[in-house]
Amino acid sequence: MPERRFLPTPLLAGYALYQIPYHCQFAIECRSCGVLKDMPREDLNQVSKDMSLKELSPRFRCTLCGEKNATIMAGDWANGAPER
């Protein structure tokens, strides 16, 4: 069965949440342990609509390893094998 993967749009990292189109999905990746999870827009809105994804990233803690070493990405989920 093909694995689902996240395709980030790096150019959106500098934009505030309210500036990112609503069709974009969000994912948060722990740079310490590598876990990748969905991040609903509503959860990000509760923190701040005016902060960029780069500014929001340090506020999140990994639920698996407990480290504060996250990256929030805007993009879309895709099915299939990674591109080579």
N, C-alpha and C. Protein backbone atom coordinates (compact mmCIF):
# COMPACT_ATOMS: atom_id res chain seq x y z
N MET A 1 0.85 -1.19 0.00
CA MET A 1 0.00 0.00 0.00
C MET A 1 0.89 1.25 0.00
N PRO A 2 0.65 2.20 -0.90
CA PRO A 2 1.47 3.41 -0.96
C PRO A 2 1.34 4.24 0.32
N GLU A 3 2.44 4.84 0.69
CA GLU A 3 2.47 5.65 1.89
C GLU A 3 2.09 7.09 1.57
N ARG A 4 1.32 7.69 2.45
CA ARG A 4 0.94 9.09 2.29
C ARG A 4 2.13 9.96 2.66
N ARG A 5 2.36 11.02 1.90
CA ARG A 5 3.48 11.92 2.20
C ARG A 5 3.02 13.35 2.07
N PHE A 6 3.74 14.25 2.70
CA PHE A 6 3.40 15.66 2.69
C PHE A 6 4.30 16.39 1.71
N LEU A 7 3.70 17.20 0.85
CA LEU A 7 4.44 18.00 -0.12
C LEU A 7 4.42 19.46 0.33
N PRO A 8 5.48 19.92 1.00
CA PRO A 8 5.48 21.29 1.51
C PRO A 8 5.66 22.34 0.42
N THR A 9 5.17 23.52 0.71
CA THR A 9 5.38 24.69 -0.14
C THR A 9 6.25 25.66 0.67
N PRO A 10 7.58 25.56 0.53
CA PRO A 10 8.50 26.32 1.38
C PRO A 10 8.30 27.83 1.33
N LEU A 11 7.84 28.36 0.21
CA LEU A 11 7.67 29.81 0.10
C LEU A 11 6.61 30.35 1.06
N LEU A 12 5.70 29.51 1.52
CA LEU A 12 4.64 29.97 2.42
C LEU A 12 5.10 30.07 3.88
N ALA A 13 6.29 29.58 4.21
CA ALA A 13 6.76 29.58 5.58
C ALA A 13 6.90 30.99 6.17
N GLY A 14 7.15 31.97 5.35
CA GLY A 14 7.33 33.34 5.83
C GLY A 14 6.04 34.13 5.93
N TYR A 15 4.93 33.55 5.48
CA TYR A 15 3.66 34.25 5.50
C TYR A 15 2.92 34.04 6.82
N ALA A 16 2.12 35.03 7.21
CA ALA A 16 1.25 34.89 8.37
C ALA A 16 0.13 33.92 8.02
N LEU A 17 -0.43 33.28 9.02
CA LEU A 17 -1.44 32.26 8.81
C LEU A 17 -2.63 32.78 8.01
N TYR A 18 -3.07 34.01 8.28
CA TYR A 18 -4.23 34.53 7.57
C TYR A 18 -3.93 34.81 6.10
N GLN A 19 -2.65 34.87 5.71
CA GLN A 19 -2.27 35.12 4.33
C GLN A 19 -2.15 33.84 3.50
N ILE A 20 -2.14 32.69 4.15
CA ILE A 20 -1.99 31.42 3.46
C ILE A 20 -3.35 30.95 2.95
N PRO A 21 -3.46 30.57 1.69
CA PRO A 21 -4.76 30.16 1.13
C PRO A 21 -5.40 29.03 1.93
N TYR A 22 -6.72 29.04 1.97
CA TYR A 22 -7.46 28.07 2.77
C TYR A 22 -7.42 26.66 2.20
N HIS A 23 -7.04 26.48 0.94
CA HIS A 23 -6.95 25.13 0.39
C HIS A 23 -5.68 24.41 0.86
N CYS A 24 -4.74 25.13 1.44
CA CYS A 24 -3.50 24.52 1.92
C CYS A 24 -3.74 23.71 3.19
N GLN A 25 -3.04 22.62 3.29
CA GLN A 25 -3.05 21.78 4.48
C GLN A 25 -1.80 22.10 5.29
N PHE A 26 -1.81 21.73 6.56
CA PHE A 26 -0.65 21.98 7.42
C PHE A 26 -0.19 20.68 8.05
N ALA A 27 1.12 20.56 8.20
CA ALA A 27 1.72 19.42 8.88
C ALA A 27 2.81 19.96 9.80
N ILE A 28 3.04 19.24 10.88
CA ILE A 28 4.11 19.62 11.80
C ILE A 28 5.06 18.44 11.90
N GLU A 29 6.35 18.74 11.76
CA GLU A 29 7.37 17.69 11.79
C GLU A 29 8.33 17.97 12.94
N CYS A 30 8.58 16.96 13.74
CA CYS A 30 9.57 17.06 14.81
C CYS A 30 10.94 16.80 14.19
N ARG A 31 11.85 17.76 14.31
CA ARG A 31 13.19 17.59 13.74
C ARG A 31 14.06 16.70 14.62
N SER A 32 13.62 16.41 15.85
CA SER A 32 14.39 15.54 16.74
C SER A 32 14.13 14.06 16.46
N CYS A 33 12.84 13.67 16.37
CA CYS A 33 12.52 12.26 16.19
C CYS A 33 11.93 11.93 14.83
N GLY A 34 11.57 12.95 14.03
CA GLY A 34 11.11 12.73 12.67
C GLY A 34 9.62 12.46 12.49
N VAL A 35 8.84 12.49 13.56
CA VAL A 35 7.41 12.24 13.44
C VAL A 35 6.74 13.38 12.67
N LEU A 36 5.77 13.04 11.81
CA LEU A 36 5.06 14.01 10.99
C LEU A 36 3.57 13.82 11.20
N LYS A 37 2.87 14.89 11.56
CA LYS A 37 1.44 14.81 11.85
C LYS A 37 0.67 15.93 11.17
N ASP A 38 -0.63 15.66 10.92
CA ASP A 38 -1.54 16.70 10.44
C ASP A 38 -1.65 17.80 11.49
N MET A 39 -1.82 19.02 11.05
CA MET A 39 -2.05 20.14 11.95
C MET A 39 -3.24 20.93 11.41
N PRO A 40 -4.41 20.81 12.04
CA PRO A 40 -5.58 21.57 11.57
C PRO A 40 -5.36 23.08 11.67
N ARG A 41 -5.84 23.80 10.68
CA ARG A 41 -5.73 25.27 10.67
C ARG A 41 -6.33 25.87 11.94
N GLU A 42 -7.41 25.27 12.42
CA GLU A 42 -8.09 25.80 13.62
C GLU A 42 -7.15 25.78 14.83
N ASP A 43 -6.31 24.74 14.94
CA ASP A 43 -5.35 24.68 16.05
C ASP A 43 -4.32 25.79 15.94
N LEU A 44 -3.87 26.07 14.73
CA LEU A 44 -2.91 27.15 14.53
C LEU A 44 -3.56 28.51 14.78
N ASN A 45 -4.83 28.66 14.38
CA ASN A 45 -5.54 29.93 14.62
C ASN A 45 -5.65 30.24 16.10
N GLN A 46 -5.75 29.22 16.94
CA GLN A 46 -5.85 29.45 18.39
C GLN A 46 -4.57 30.05 18.96
N VAL A 47 -3.44 29.73 18.33
CA VAL A 47 -2.17 30.28 18.80
C VAL A 47 -2.02 31.72 18.32
N SER A 48 -2.12 31.92 17.01
CA SER A 48 -2.02 33.28 16.45
C SER A 48 -2.27 33.25 14.95
N LYS A 49 -3.10 34.15 14.48
CA LYS A 49 -3.34 34.29 13.04
C LYS A 49 -2.32 35.22 12.39
N ASP A 50 -1.66 36.04 13.21
CA ASP A 50 -0.78 37.08 12.68
C ASP A 50 0.69 36.68 12.62
N MET A 51 1.03 35.52 13.14
CA MET A 51 2.43 35.08 13.14
C MET A 51 2.70 34.21 11.92
N SER A 52 3.94 34.26 11.44
CA SER A 52 4.33 33.40 10.32
C SER A 52 4.55 31.98 10.83
N LEU A 53 4.60 31.02 9.92
CA LEU A 53 4.85 29.63 10.32
C LEU A 53 6.21 29.49 10.96
N LYS A 54 7.19 30.27 10.50
CA LYS A 54 8.53 30.24 11.11
C LYS A 54 8.48 30.71 12.57
N GLU A 55 7.64 31.70 12.86
CA GLU A 55 7.52 32.22 14.22
C GLU A 55 6.72 31.28 15.11
N LEU A 56 5.75 30.56 14.53
CA LEU A 56 4.92 29.63 15.30
C LEU A 56 5.65 28.34 15.65
N SER A 57 6.54 27.89 14.80
CA SER A 57 7.20 26.59 14.97
C SER A 57 7.83 26.37 16.35
N PRO A 58 8.57 27.31 16.91
CA PRO A 58 9.21 27.07 18.20
C PRO A 58 8.23 26.93 19.37
N ARG A 59 6.97 27.24 19.19
CA ARG A 59 5.99 27.16 20.27
C ARG A 59 5.43 25.76 20.48
N PHE A 60 5.70 24.85 19.56
CA PHE A 60 5.09 23.52 19.62
C PHE A 60 6.06 22.48 20.16
N ARG A 61 5.51 21.56 20.96
CA ARG A 61 6.28 20.48 21.56
C ARG A 61 5.81 19.15 20.97
N CYS A 62 6.74 18.27 20.67
CA CYS A 62 6.42 16.95 20.11
C CYS A 62 5.71 16.10 21.17
N THR A 63 4.63 15.46 20.75
CA THR A 63 3.89 14.59 21.68
C THR A 63 4.58 13.24 21.86
N LEU A 64 5.52 12.91 20.99
CA LEU A 64 6.21 11.63 21.08
C LEU A 64 7.48 11.72 21.93
N CYS A 65 8.37 12.66 21.59
CA CYS A 65 9.65 12.75 22.31
C CYS A 65 9.71 13.90 23.32
N GLY A 66 8.79 14.86 23.22
CA GLY A 66 8.75 15.96 24.17
C GLY A 66 9.65 17.14 23.84
N GLU A 67 10.38 17.08 22.75
CA GLU A 67 11.28 18.17 22.36
C GLU A 67 10.52 19.33 21.72
N LYS A 68 11.04 20.54 21.90
CA LYS A 68 10.52 21.73 21.21
C LYS A 68 11.44 22.01 20.03
N ASN A 69 11.29 21.22 18.99
CA ASN A 69 12.14 21.31 17.81
C ASN A 69 11.29 21.00 16.58
N ALA A 70 10.26 21.80 16.36
CA ALA A 70 9.28 21.51 15.32
C ALA A 70 9.41 22.44 14.12
N THR A 71 8.89 21.96 13.01
CA THR A 71 8.74 22.76 11.80
C THR A 71 7.30 22.62 11.34
N ILE A 72 6.61 23.75 11.19
CA ILE A 72 5.25 23.74 10.67
C ILE A 72 5.34 24.05 9.18
N MET A 73 4.67 23.21 8.38
CA MET A 73 4.74 23.37 6.93
C MET A 73 3.35 23.52 6.35
N ALA A 74 3.23 24.35 5.34
CA ALA A 74 2.00 24.47 4.56
C ALA A 74 2.24 23.76 3.24
N GLY A 75 1.23 23.09 2.74
CA GLY A 75 1.36 22.36 1.48
C GLY A 75 0.15 21.49 1.24
N ASP A 76 0.40 20.23 0.87
CA ASP A 76 -0.69 19.31 0.58
C ASP A 76 -0.21 17.87 0.80
N TRP A 77 -1.16 16.99 1.14
CA TRP A 77 -0.86 15.57 1.31
C TRP A 77 -1.03 14.87 -0.01
N ALA A 78 -0.15 13.93 -0.31
CA ALA A 78 -0.23 13.14 -1.55
C ALA A 78 -0.07 11.67 -1.22
N ASN A 79 -0.67 10.84 -2.02
CA ASN A 79 -0.51 9.39 -1.88
C ASN A 79 0.50 8.92 -2.90
N GLY A 80 1.24 7.88 -2.55
CA GLY A 80 2.17 7.31 -3.50
C GLY A 80 3.59 7.29 -2.97
N ALA A 81 4.44 6.66 -3.72
CA ALA A 81 5.85 6.54 -3.34
C ALA A 81 6.55 7.88 -3.52
N PRO A 82 7.56 8.17 -2.71
CA PRO A 82 8.29 9.43 -2.86
C PRO A 82 8.96 9.51 -4.23
N GLU A 83 9.06 10.74 -4.74
CA GLU A 83 9.72 10.97 -6.02
C GLU A 83 11.21 10.72 -5.88
N ARG A 84 11.82 10.24 -6.95
CA ARG A 84 13.28 9.98 -6.90
C ARG A 84 13.98 10.83 -7.90
